[in-house]
C-alpha cells in the first residue's frame, strides 16, 4: 500500500465534530464512511496486547504534544504552520542525519517538528521509558519510505502492536491491521526494562529552539528558501513532494476487546475525541497558539505600577502637559498627619519566609494544564482506562501520565533569623482608612524646649 500523496480535501460531517469535546468520534464515519473496506467488527486480544495498545495510544498523543508543529512532509501541516513545520523538520534532520534514534528524538523535541522518522523516534523513546515491559523497535517499511514503531518481538509469535503517530488521525493497532506492517526491517530497538521517569517531562518541557534561532539557522541551512516570503515558501513546499496521509489502518471500524494484565476489561478502537478531531483538522499550529495563550501574564515592573498622586493641589494642577484640576477632578486633600514621636517603640515588621517551591515532578506525574486548554487536550481517559501505571493501568488516574506520580519531598521551611526587637522606626504607609495610629509615649519628653523653660521659671 503506497503512501497517499494525493491532496484531497477532507469533508467531515459537522454533526460528528460538534457538541461535547470529550465525545468520541468514529474514524470510519469521519474519514471514509462509504468505503466497504472499513466496517465495524470486534476482535479479542491478549492481555499483553491490551497493555501495549493502551500505552501506544498514550505515546501517540504525547508525540503530538511534543512535536506540536507537525511534519515537514505532510502538506496540511505545512499549510497550517505557514511552512514552519518544514523549516523545523529540516533543521532537526540536519542536526542528527540518520544517526542514533535517541539523539533524533531529542533534536526533534527541540525543534518541535519532524517527519515519520522523527515522530517514530520520539514515540519509541516514550514507550521504552514506560512500563510496557516489551521490546520497542523503530522499523522501516521495505517497499515505501515510511518509519513507525512496533511493540513486541514479531519473531516470537507475530502478535505485535503498531504505534504510528505520523498519520493525521493515526491510532495504535495490531500489526496485521496496519497498512505498512507487512514488510519491514528494524532500525533501532530498546530492550525491555529500560526506564527513566524524567524522559517525558524533558521531551515535553525541555530545551526548545526559539523562533529567532530557527530563522537564523534556516537562513544558514537553506539561504535561497530563506529569502522567500512565508506565503511563497508555503506554496513551494506544498507544490513539491509531500503526503496527505490521513491514517494507516486496513479497517477503521475494528475494535479490540481484552483483559489487561491486572484483570481489567479494556476496549480499544480507532476513535478520537471531538476536541482532538477538531485540533487535527485545523492543523498543528493551533497547538502552538494555544500554548502561547496559556502562558502566565508578566509580573509588574517598577515602571508599570501606578503613580501616587501628589498631595498639593497647586502642584498637581500646574504640572506641564497635565489637565488642570477642577471641582470635578480635583485631588482629595491628604489626611492630616500625626506628630511623630521622638522614640518609636513599635517592633519592626516580621519578615515572612515562604518555603521554596517543591522540586519538579518526574516523567509520570500529572502535567499541569494552562488556563486555556491546549489544542491537543484529548479529554479524560476512558472509564476503565487507568493512567498511572505501565504494568496494568489502574482504574482511576490523571489523564496525561505514564505511571505513578513520584513522591514530592518539600524542602524544610527556613527558620526566621534572629534580630533585635527594637530598631529604627520603619516608614509606615497609610492604609485605606488613613494613617496608622501612633503608639503611646513611654517617657516624658524632658529634653524639649518647653520643659527646660518651665524648670527655669520654677513651674
Protein backbone atom coordinates (compact mmCIF):
# COMPACT_ATOMS: atom_id res chain seq x y z
CA UNK A 1 0.00 0.00 0.00
CA UNK A 2 1.76 3.19 -1.13
CA UNK A 3 1.74 6.39 0.84
CA UNK A 4 -1.04 8.78 -0.08
CA UNK A 5 0.39 11.79 -1.96
CA UNK A 6 -2.93 12.90 -3.49
CA UNK A 7 -4.08 16.18 -1.95
CA UNK A 8 -7.78 15.52 -1.40
CA UNK A 9 -9.86 17.75 0.82
CA UNK A 10 -11.36 16.25 3.95
CA UNK A 11 -15.14 16.64 4.30
CA UNK A 12 -16.28 15.65 7.77
CA UNK A 13 -19.94 15.69 8.75
CA UNK A 14 -20.32 18.76 11.02
CA UNK A 15 -22.58 16.77 13.31
CA UNK A 16 -19.73 14.38 14.12
CA UNK A 17 -17.42 17.11 15.46
CA UNK A 18 -20.00 19.20 17.33
CA UNK A 19 -21.10 19.14 20.94
CA UNK A 20 -19.12 17.84 23.89
CA UNK A 21 -15.38 17.92 23.17
CA UNK A 22 -14.87 14.65 25.11
CA UNK A 23 -17.32 12.67 23.00
CA UNK A 24 -15.65 10.02 20.83
CA UNK A 25 -15.81 10.15 17.04
CA UNK A 26 -15.58 7.03 14.88
CA UNK A 27 -12.80 7.40 12.29
CA UNK A 28 -14.69 5.12 9.95
CA UNK A 29 -17.62 7.56 9.82
CA UNK A 30 -15.45 10.67 9.82
CA UNK A 31 -12.83 9.73 7.22
CA UNK A 32 -14.23 7.05 4.90
CA UNK A 33 -17.92 6.42 5.61
CA UNK A 34 -18.68 4.98 2.15
CA UNK A 35 -15.68 2.67 1.83
CA UNK A 36 -16.78 -1.00 2.25
CA UNK A 37 -13.21 -1.91 3.17
CA UNK A 38 -13.84 -0.31 6.58
CA UNK A 39 -16.60 -1.94 8.64
CA UNK A 40 -17.42 -2.39 12.30
CA UNK A 41 -16.08 -5.56 13.91
CA UNK A 42 -14.70 -6.69 17.26
CA UNK A 43 -11.54 -8.71 17.87
CA UNK A 44 -10.41 -10.22 21.16
CA UNK A 45 -6.76 -9.61 22.10
CA UNK A 46 -4.44 -10.99 24.77
CA UNK A 47 -3.52 -9.15 27.95
CA UNK A 48 -0.07 -8.38 26.56
CA UNK A 49 -1.59 -6.76 23.50
CA UNK A 50 -4.17 -4.91 25.60
CA UNK A 51 -1.38 -3.32 27.67
CA UNK A 52 0.58 -2.41 24.54
CA UNK A 53 -2.47 -0.82 22.87
CA UNK A 54 -3.11 1.33 25.91
CA UNK A 55 0.47 2.62 26.20
CA UNK A 56 0.83 3.10 22.45
CA UNK A 57 -2.21 5.39 22.23
CA UNK A 58 -0.89 7.43 25.16
CA UNK A 59 2.51 7.71 23.48
CA UNK A 60 0.90 8.82 20.19
CA UNK A 61 -0.96 11.61 21.99
CA UNK A 62 2.24 12.69 23.76
CA UNK A 63 4.18 12.66 20.49
CA UNK A 64 1.70 15.16 19.06
CA UNK A 65 2.11 17.35 22.12
CA UNK A 66 5.92 17.28 21.90
CA UNK A 67 6.08 17.78 18.11
CA UNK A 68 3.22 20.28 18.08
CA UNK A 69 4.42 21.94 14.86
CA UNK A 70 3.67 18.78 12.89
CA UNK A 71 5.55 17.21 9.98
CA UNK A 72 7.53 18.85 7.24
CA UNK A 73 6.22 16.47 4.57
CA UNK A 74 2.53 16.49 5.49
CA UNK A 75 1.00 19.10 3.19
CA UNK A 76 -1.77 20.03 5.57
CA UNK A 77 0.77 20.67 8.32
CA UNK A 78 2.83 22.86 6.02
CA UNK A 79 -0.25 24.93 5.19
CA UNK A 80 -1.37 25.24 8.78
CA UNK A 81 2.05 26.38 10.04
CA UNK A 82 2.94 28.58 7.04
CA UNK A 83 5.86 26.20 6.26
CA UNK A 84 7.16 26.44 9.83
CA UNK A 85 6.90 22.64 10.18
CA UNK A 86 9.10 22.26 7.07
CA UNK A 87 11.77 24.64 8.39
CA UNK A 88 11.95 22.99 11.79
CA UNK A 89 11.98 19.46 10.35
CA UNK A 90 14.85 20.39 8.04
CA UNK A 91 16.89 21.77 10.95
CA UNK A 92 16.11 18.73 13.09
CA UNK A 93 17.33 16.37 10.40
CA UNK A 94 20.48 18.38 9.72
CA UNK A 95 21.42 18.14 13.39
CA UNK A 96 21.20 14.34 13.51
CA UNK A 97 21.20 12.95 9.99
CA UNK A 98 20.34 9.26 10.14
CA UNK A 99 22.22 8.57 13.36
CA UNK A 100 21.12 7.31 16.74
CA UNK A 101 17.35 7.42 17.11
CA UNK A 102 17.62 8.57 20.70
CA UNK A 103 19.52 11.64 19.51
CA UNK A 104 16.95 12.16 16.76
CA UNK A 105 14.18 12.16 19.35
CA UNK A 106 15.84 14.90 21.42
CA UNK A 107 16.60 17.06 18.36
CA UNK A 108 13.03 16.71 17.10
CA UNK A 109 11.69 17.69 20.51
CA UNK A 110 13.95 20.76 20.50
CA UNK A 111 12.58 21.96 17.14
CA UNK A 112 9.02 20.65 17.82
CA UNK A 113 8.62 19.09 14.36
CA UNK A 114 9.63 16.02 12.36
CA UNK A 115 8.71 13.58 9.64
CA UNK A 116 7.80 9.94 10.20
CA UNK A 117 11.34 9.06 11.31
CA UNK A 118 11.50 11.79 13.94
CA UNK A 119 7.97 11.07 15.15
CA UNK A 120 8.79 7.36 15.43
CA UNK A 121 11.96 8.22 17.38
CA UNK A 122 10.03 10.31 19.93
CA UNK A 123 7.26 7.72 20.16
CA UNK A 124 9.70 4.86 20.71
CA UNK A 125 11.65 6.77 23.37
CA UNK A 126 8.42 7.43 25.28
CA UNK A 127 7.37 3.78 25.10
CA UNK A 128 10.84 2.50 26.00
CA UNK A 129 10.72 4.50 29.23
CA UNK A 130 7.24 3.31 30.11
CA UNK A 131 6.09 0.09 31.79
CA UNK A 132 5.18 -1.67 28.60
CA UNK A 133 7.66 -4.48 29.53
CA UNK A 134 8.17 -5.45 25.88
CA UNK A 135 10.81 -4.64 23.25
CA UNK A 136 10.17 -1.35 21.43
CA UNK A 137 11.59 -1.02 17.91
CA UNK A 138 11.76 1.68 15.26
CA UNK A 139 11.25 -0.06 11.90
CA UNK A 140 11.19 0.97 8.24
CA UNK A 141 8.97 -0.47 5.55
CA UNK A 142 10.87 -2.19 2.75
CA UNK A 143 8.52 -1.07 -0.04
CA UNK A 144 7.74 2.55 0.87
CA UNK A 145 9.73 5.24 2.64
CA UNK A 146 7.95 5.13 5.99
CA UNK A 147 9.12 4.55 9.58
CA UNK A 148 6.96 3.58 12.53
CA UNK A 149 7.16 1.79 15.90
CA UNK A 150 6.45 -1.83 16.82
CA UNK A 151 5.85 -3.02 20.39
CA UNK A 152 6.85 -6.64 20.94
CA UNK A 153 9.00 -9.08 19.02
CA UNK A 154 7.12 -10.34 15.93
CA UNK A 155 9.64 -13.15 15.54
CA UNK A 156 8.23 -14.83 18.65
CA UNK A 157 4.53 -15.11 17.90
CA UNK A 158 3.71 -12.36 15.38
CA UNK A 159 1.42 -10.65 17.90
CA UNK A 160 2.90 -7.17 17.94
CA UNK A 161 1.28 -3.74 18.14
CA UNK A 162 1.98 -0.89 15.71
CA UNK A 163 2.29 2.64 17.11
CA UNK A 164 2.39 5.14 14.24
CA UNK A 165 1.93 8.83 15.17
CA UNK A 166 2.78 10.25 11.73
CA UNK A 167 -0.67 9.97 10.03
CA UNK A 168 -3.01 12.85 10.80
CA UNK A 169 -5.52 10.58 12.57
CA UNK A 170 -3.27 7.65 13.47
CA UNK A 171 -4.01 5.26 16.34
CA UNK A 172 -2.46 2.07 17.70
CA UNK A 173 -3.47 -1.25 16.11
CA UNK A 174 -2.41 -4.85 15.60
CA UNK A 175 0.42 -5.36 13.16
CA UNK A 176 -1.82 -7.39 10.83
CA UNK A 177 -4.28 -4.45 10.69
CA UNK A 178 -1.63 -1.86 9.74
CA UNK A 179 -1.08 -0.91 6.12
CA UNK A 180 2.72 -0.84 6.33
CA UNK A 181 3.28 -3.74 8.73
CA UNK A 182 3.66 -6.47 6.12
CA UNK A 183 7.35 -5.99 5.29
CA UNK A 184 9.97 -4.01 7.20
CA UNK A 185 13.44 -4.05 8.69
CA UNK A 186 14.45 -2.94 12.19
CA UNK A 187 16.38 0.31 12.61
CA UNK A 188 16.68 0.60 16.39
CA UNK A 189 15.46 -1.49 19.34
CA UNK A 190 15.04 -0.65 23.03
CA UNK A 191 15.22 -3.71 25.25
CA UNK A 192 12.55 -4.09 27.95
CA UNK A 193 13.44 -2.94 31.44
CA UNK A 194 14.82 0.44 30.40
CA UNK A 195 13.07 3.30 32.18
CA UNK A 196 13.73 6.95 33.04
CA UNK A 197 10.91 8.78 34.80
CA UNK A 198 12.08 12.19 33.58
CA UNK A 199 12.12 11.47 29.84
CA UNK A 200 8.54 12.54 29.13
CA UNK A 201 8.85 15.82 31.04
CA UNK A 202 12.18 16.64 29.40
CA UNK A 203 10.84 15.94 25.92
CA UNK A 204 7.72 17.99 26.58
CA UNK A 205 9.18 20.91 28.54
CA UNK A 206 12.91 20.74 27.94
CA UNK A 207 15.08 22.94 25.75
CA UNK A 208 13.17 24.43 22.80
CA UNK A 209 14.55 26.44 19.90
CA UNK A 210 13.26 30.00 19.80
CA UNK A 211 11.81 31.48 16.64
CA UNK A 212 14.88 33.72 16.22
CA UNK A 213 17.17 30.69 16.45
CA UNK A 214 15.05 28.79 13.92
CA UNK A 215 15.08 31.67 11.42
CA UNK A 216 18.83 32.20 11.80
CA UNK A 217 19.63 28.50 11.37
CA UNK A 218 17.28 28.21 8.39
CA UNK A 219 18.99 31.15 6.61
CA UNK A 220 22.28 29.31 7.01
CA UNK A 221 20.93 25.88 6.03
CA UNK A 222 18.79 26.97 3.04
CA UNK A 223 19.73 30.53 2.01
CA UNK A 224 17.66 30.52 -1.18
CA UNK A 225 14.49 29.31 0.51
CA UNK A 226 15.02 31.72 3.42
CA UNK A 227 14.71 34.66 1.01
CA UNK A 228 11.12 33.68 0.15
CA UNK A 229 8.17 35.14 2.00
CA UNK A 230 6.26 32.75 4.27
CA UNK A 231 3.43 32.54 1.71
CA UNK A 232 5.77 31.72 -1.18
CA UNK A 233 7.72 29.21 0.89
CA UNK A 234 4.47 27.51 1.88
CA UNK A 235 3.29 27.28 -1.74
CA UNK A 236 6.66 26.00 -2.92
CA UNK A 237 6.76 23.25 -0.30
CA UNK A 238 3.14 22.20 -0.90
CA UNK A 239 3.73 22.06 -4.66
CA UNK A 240 6.74 19.77 -4.16
CA UNK A 241 6.78 16.17 -2.98
CA UNK A 242 4.70 15.55 0.09
CA UNK A 243 1.90 13.49 1.57
CA UNK A 244 -1.66 13.72 2.83
CA UNK A 245 -1.73 10.59 4.97
CA UNK A 246 -4.97 10.52 6.98
CA UNK A 247 -4.48 7.09 8.59
CA UNK A 248 -2.58 3.82 8.21
CA UNK A 249 -5.30 1.27 9.00
CA UNK A 250 -6.69 -1.53 6.87
CA UNK A 251 -10.01 -1.28 8.72
CA UNK A 252 -11.01 1.89 10.60
CA UNK A 253 -14.01 0.15 12.16
CA UNK A 254 -12.15 -2.54 14.07
CA UNK A 255 -12.44 -2.66 17.89
CA UNK A 256 -10.16 -4.57 20.25
CA UNK A 257 -11.52 -6.14 23.44
CA UNK A 258 -9.30 -7.76 26.02
CA UNK A 259 -8.42 -8.12 29.66
CA UNK A 260 -5.20 -6.40 30.67
CA UNK A 261 -2.55 -7.85 32.96
CA UNK A 262 -4.47 -6.66 36.04
CA UNK A 263 -7.71 -8.33 35.04
CA UNK A 264 -9.48 -5.14 33.91
CA UNK A 265 -11.57 -5.42 30.73
CA UNK A 266 -10.40 -2.89 28.14
CA UNK A 267 -11.94 -1.67 24.87
CA UNK A 268 -9.79 -0.01 22.19
CA UNK A 269 -10.85 1.35 18.84
CA UNK A 270 -9.60 3.96 16.36
CA UNK A 271 -11.84 6.78 17.53
CA UNK A 272 -10.77 10.25 18.62
CA UNK A 273 -12.46 12.78 20.86
CA UNK A 274 -14.30 15.71 19.30
CA UNK A 275 -11.70 18.14 20.67
CA UNK A 276 -8.85 16.05 19.32
CA UNK A 277 -10.54 15.71 15.95
CA UNK A 278 -11.04 19.47 15.65
CA UNK A 279 -7.42 20.16 16.53
CA UNK A 280 -6.07 17.78 13.92
CA UNK A 281 -8.40 19.11 11.24
CA UNK A 282 -7.34 22.71 11.92
CA UNK A 283 -3.67 21.82 11.96
CA UNK A 284 -0.72 21.72 14.35
CA UNK A 285 -0.34 25.50 14.51
CA UNK A 286 -3.42 25.58 16.75
CA UNK A 287 -1.45 23.75 19.43
CA UNK A 288 1.41 26.27 19.36
CA UNK A 289 -1.01 29.20 19.59
CA UNK A 290 -2.85 27.57 22.48
CA UNK A 291 0.41 27.11 24.37
CA UNK A 292 1.31 30.77 23.85
CA UNK A 293 -2.11 31.89 25.05
CA UNK A 294 -1.78 29.73 28.12
CA UNK A 295 1.45 31.37 29.35
CA UNK A 296 1.08 33.34 32.57
CA UNK A 297 0.84 37.13 32.42
CA UNK A 298 4.10 39.00 33.13
CA UNK A 299 4.57 40.50 36.55
CA UNK A 300 4.54 44.25 37.13
CA UNK A 301 7.77 46.22 36.96
CA UNK A 302 8.54 49.48 38.70
CA UNK A 303 7.56 51.40 35.55
CA UNK A 304 4.25 49.59 35.24
CA UNK A 305 2.97 50.40 38.71
CA UNK A 306 0.50 53.29 39.04
CA UNK A 307 1.99 56.54 40.23
CA UNK A 308 0.94 58.05 43.54
CA UNK A 309 -0.86 61.37 43.29
CA UNK A 310 0.78 64.45 44.80
CA UNK A 311 -0.72 65.93 47.91
CA UNK A 312 -0.58 69.51 46.72
CA UNK A 313 -3.47 70.67 44.59
CA UNK A 314 -1.41 73.53 43.21
CA UNK A 315 1.45 71.27 42.21
CA UNK A 316 -0.95 68.80 40.58
CA UNK A 317 -2.77 71.43 38.53
CA UNK A 318 0.33 73.38 37.50
CA UNK A 319 2.27 70.42 36.07
CA UNK A 320 3.23 70.80 32.45
CA UNK A 321 1.06 68.88 29.99
CA UNK A 322 -1.40 67.79 32.64
CA UNK A 323 -5.08 68.55 32.63
CA UNK A 324 -5.93 71.46 35.03
CA UNK A 325 -7.79 70.37 38.09
CA UNK A 326 -11.38 71.46 38.50
CA UNK A 327 -14.03 70.76 41.05
CA UNK A 328 -14.94 67.55 39.24
CA UNK A 329 -11.46 66.06 39.05
CA UNK A 330 -9.62 67.67 41.96
CA UNK A 331 -7.37 65.51 44.08
CA UNK A 332 -8.88 64.93 47.55
CA UNK A 333 -6.87 66.52 50.34
CA UNK A 334 -4.47 64.28 52.15
CA UNK A 335 -5.38 63.06 55.60
CA UNK A 336 -3.71 65.10 58.39
CA UNK A 337 -0.55 63.57 59.70
CA UNK A 338 0.11 63.00 63.38
CA UNK A 339 3.15 64.47 65.04
CA UNK A 340 5.99 61.96 65.03
CA UNK A 341 7.24 60.65 68.34
CA UNK A 342 10.77 61.10 69.46
CA UNK A 343 11.11 57.37 70.10
CA UNK A 344 9.19 54.69 68.22
CA UNK A 345 8.76 51.60 70.32
CA UNK A 346 6.84 49.67 67.75
CA UNK A 347 8.56 46.45 66.68
CA UNK A 348 9.85 46.14 63.15
CA UNK A 349 7.70 44.11 60.75
CA UNK A 350 8.38 40.42 60.91
CA UNK A 351 9.80 39.05 57.64
CA UNK A 352 7.77 36.26 56.12
CA UNK A 353 9.72 33.30 54.85
CA UNK A 354 7.87 31.09 52.39
CA UNK A 355 9.14 27.59 51.80
CA UNK A 356 10.85 27.13 48.44
CA UNK A 357 8.79 25.52 45.68
CA UNK A 358 8.91 21.72 45.53
CA UNK A 359 11.19 20.04 43.05
CA UNK A 360 9.59 19.43 39.63
CA UNK A 361 7.80 16.12 39.18
CA UNK A 362 9.06 13.19 37.23
CA UNK A 363 8.02 11.97 33.85
CA UNK A 364 4.95 10.21 35.07
CA UNK A 365 3.44 12.94 37.21
CA UNK A 366 0.34 14.81 36.10
CA UNK A 367 1.07 17.68 33.73
CA UNK A 368 -0.49 20.99 34.91
CA UNK A 369 -2.64 22.43 32.18
CA UNK A 370 -2.80 26.17 31.36
CA UNK A 371 -5.92 28.28 31.78
CA UNK A 372 -6.81 27.69 28.16
CA UNK A 373 -6.70 24.03 27.43
CA UNK A 374 -4.07 23.09 24.83
CA UNK A 375 -5.27 22.15 21.42
CA UNK A 376 -4.27 18.56 22.00
CA UNK A 377 -6.04 18.09 25.31
CA UNK A 378 -7.80 14.88 24.42
CA UNK A 379 -10.16 14.84 27.35
CA UNK A 380 -10.33 12.34 30.20
CA UNK A 381 -9.34 8.72 29.54
CA UNK A 382 -11.99 6.02 29.06
CA UNK A 383 -13.90 4.95 32.14
CA UNK A 384 -11.85 1.81 32.68
CA UNK A 385 -8.57 3.21 31.30
CA UNK A 386 -6.07 3.83 34.10
CA UNK A 387 -3.17 6.13 33.66
CA UNK A 388 -0.60 5.89 36.40
CA UNK A 389 0.91 2.54 35.60
CA UNK A 390 2.88 0.94 32.90
CA UNK A 391 2.16 -2.52 34.09
CA UNK A 392 -1.55 -2.82 34.29
CA UNK A 393 -3.24 0.60 34.15
CA UNK A 394 -5.18 1.46 37.37
CA UNK A 395 -8.90 2.15 37.31
CA UNK A 396 -8.81 5.88 38.01
CA UNK A 397 -5.87 8.22 37.42
CA UNK A 398 -4.92 11.56 35.83
CA UNK A 399 -5.14 11.93 32.09
CA UNK A 400 -1.60 12.51 30.83
CA UNK A 401 0.68 10.21 32.78
CA UNK A 402 2.70 7.10 32.23
CA UNK A 403 2.82 5.74 35.76
CA UNK A 404 2.51 6.53 39.47
CA UNK A 405 3.48 10.06 40.43
CA UNK A 406 6.78 10.42 42.29
CA UNK A 407 6.82 11.38 45.96
CA UNK A 408 7.46 15.08 46.28
CA UNK A 409 9.65 15.94 49.28
CA UNK A 410 9.26 19.58 50.18
CA UNK A 411 12.37 21.41 51.35
CA UNK A 412 12.34 22.34 55.05
CA UNK A 413 10.95 25.71 55.95
CA UNK A 414 13.74 28.21 56.59
CA UNK A 415 13.81 29.34 60.24
CA UNK A 416 13.42 33.04 60.93
CA UNK A 417 16.69 34.87 61.54
CA UNK A 418 17.22 36.43 64.96
CA UNK A 419 17.06 40.21 65.18
CA UNK A 420 16.64 42.92 67.87
CA UNK A 421 13.10 43.69 68.98
CA UNK A 422 13.54 47.44 68.53
CA UNK A 423 15.34 49.21 65.77
CA UNK A 424 14.98 52.32 63.62
CA UNK A 425 11.31 53.08 63.01
CA UNK A 426 10.16 51.93 59.56
CA UNK A 427 8.15 54.10 57.24
CA UNK A 428 4.54 53.10 57.80
CA UNK A 429 2.44 53.60 54.66
CA UNK A 430 -1.07 54.92 55.23
CA UNK A 431 -3.77 52.31 54.98
CA UNK A 432 -7.10 52.74 53.21
CA UNK A 433 -8.64 54.48 56.23
CA UNK A 434 -5.83 56.98 56.91
CA UNK A 435 -2.52 57.00 58.70
CA UNK A 436 -1.78 54.25 61.19
CA UNK A 437 -2.23 55.48 64.81
CA UNK A 438 0.93 56.27 66.75
CA UNK A 439 1.69 54.36 69.94
CA UNK A 440 1.50 55.95 73.39
CA UNK A 441 4.56 57.81 74.69
CA UNK A 442 6.62 55.73 77.11
CA UNK A 443 8.52 58.51 78.90
CA UNK A 444 8.17 62.28 79.39
CA UNK A 445 9.80 64.49 76.84
CA UNK A 446 12.20 66.08 79.33
CA UNK A 447 14.53 67.31 76.65
CA UNK A 448 12.02 69.59 74.98
CA UNK A 449 12.39 73.39 74.97
CA UNK A 450 9.11 73.88 76.89
CA UNK A 451 10.21 71.57 79.71
CA UNK A 452 13.55 73.39 80.07
CA UNK A 453 11.81 76.78 80.15
CA UNK A 454 9.46 75.57 82.90
CA UNK A 455 12.39 74.38 85.01
CA UNK A 456 13.99 77.83 84.72
CA UNK A 457 10.92 79.77 85.85
CA UNK A 458 10.17 77.19 88.59
CA UNK A 459 6.79 75.97 87.34
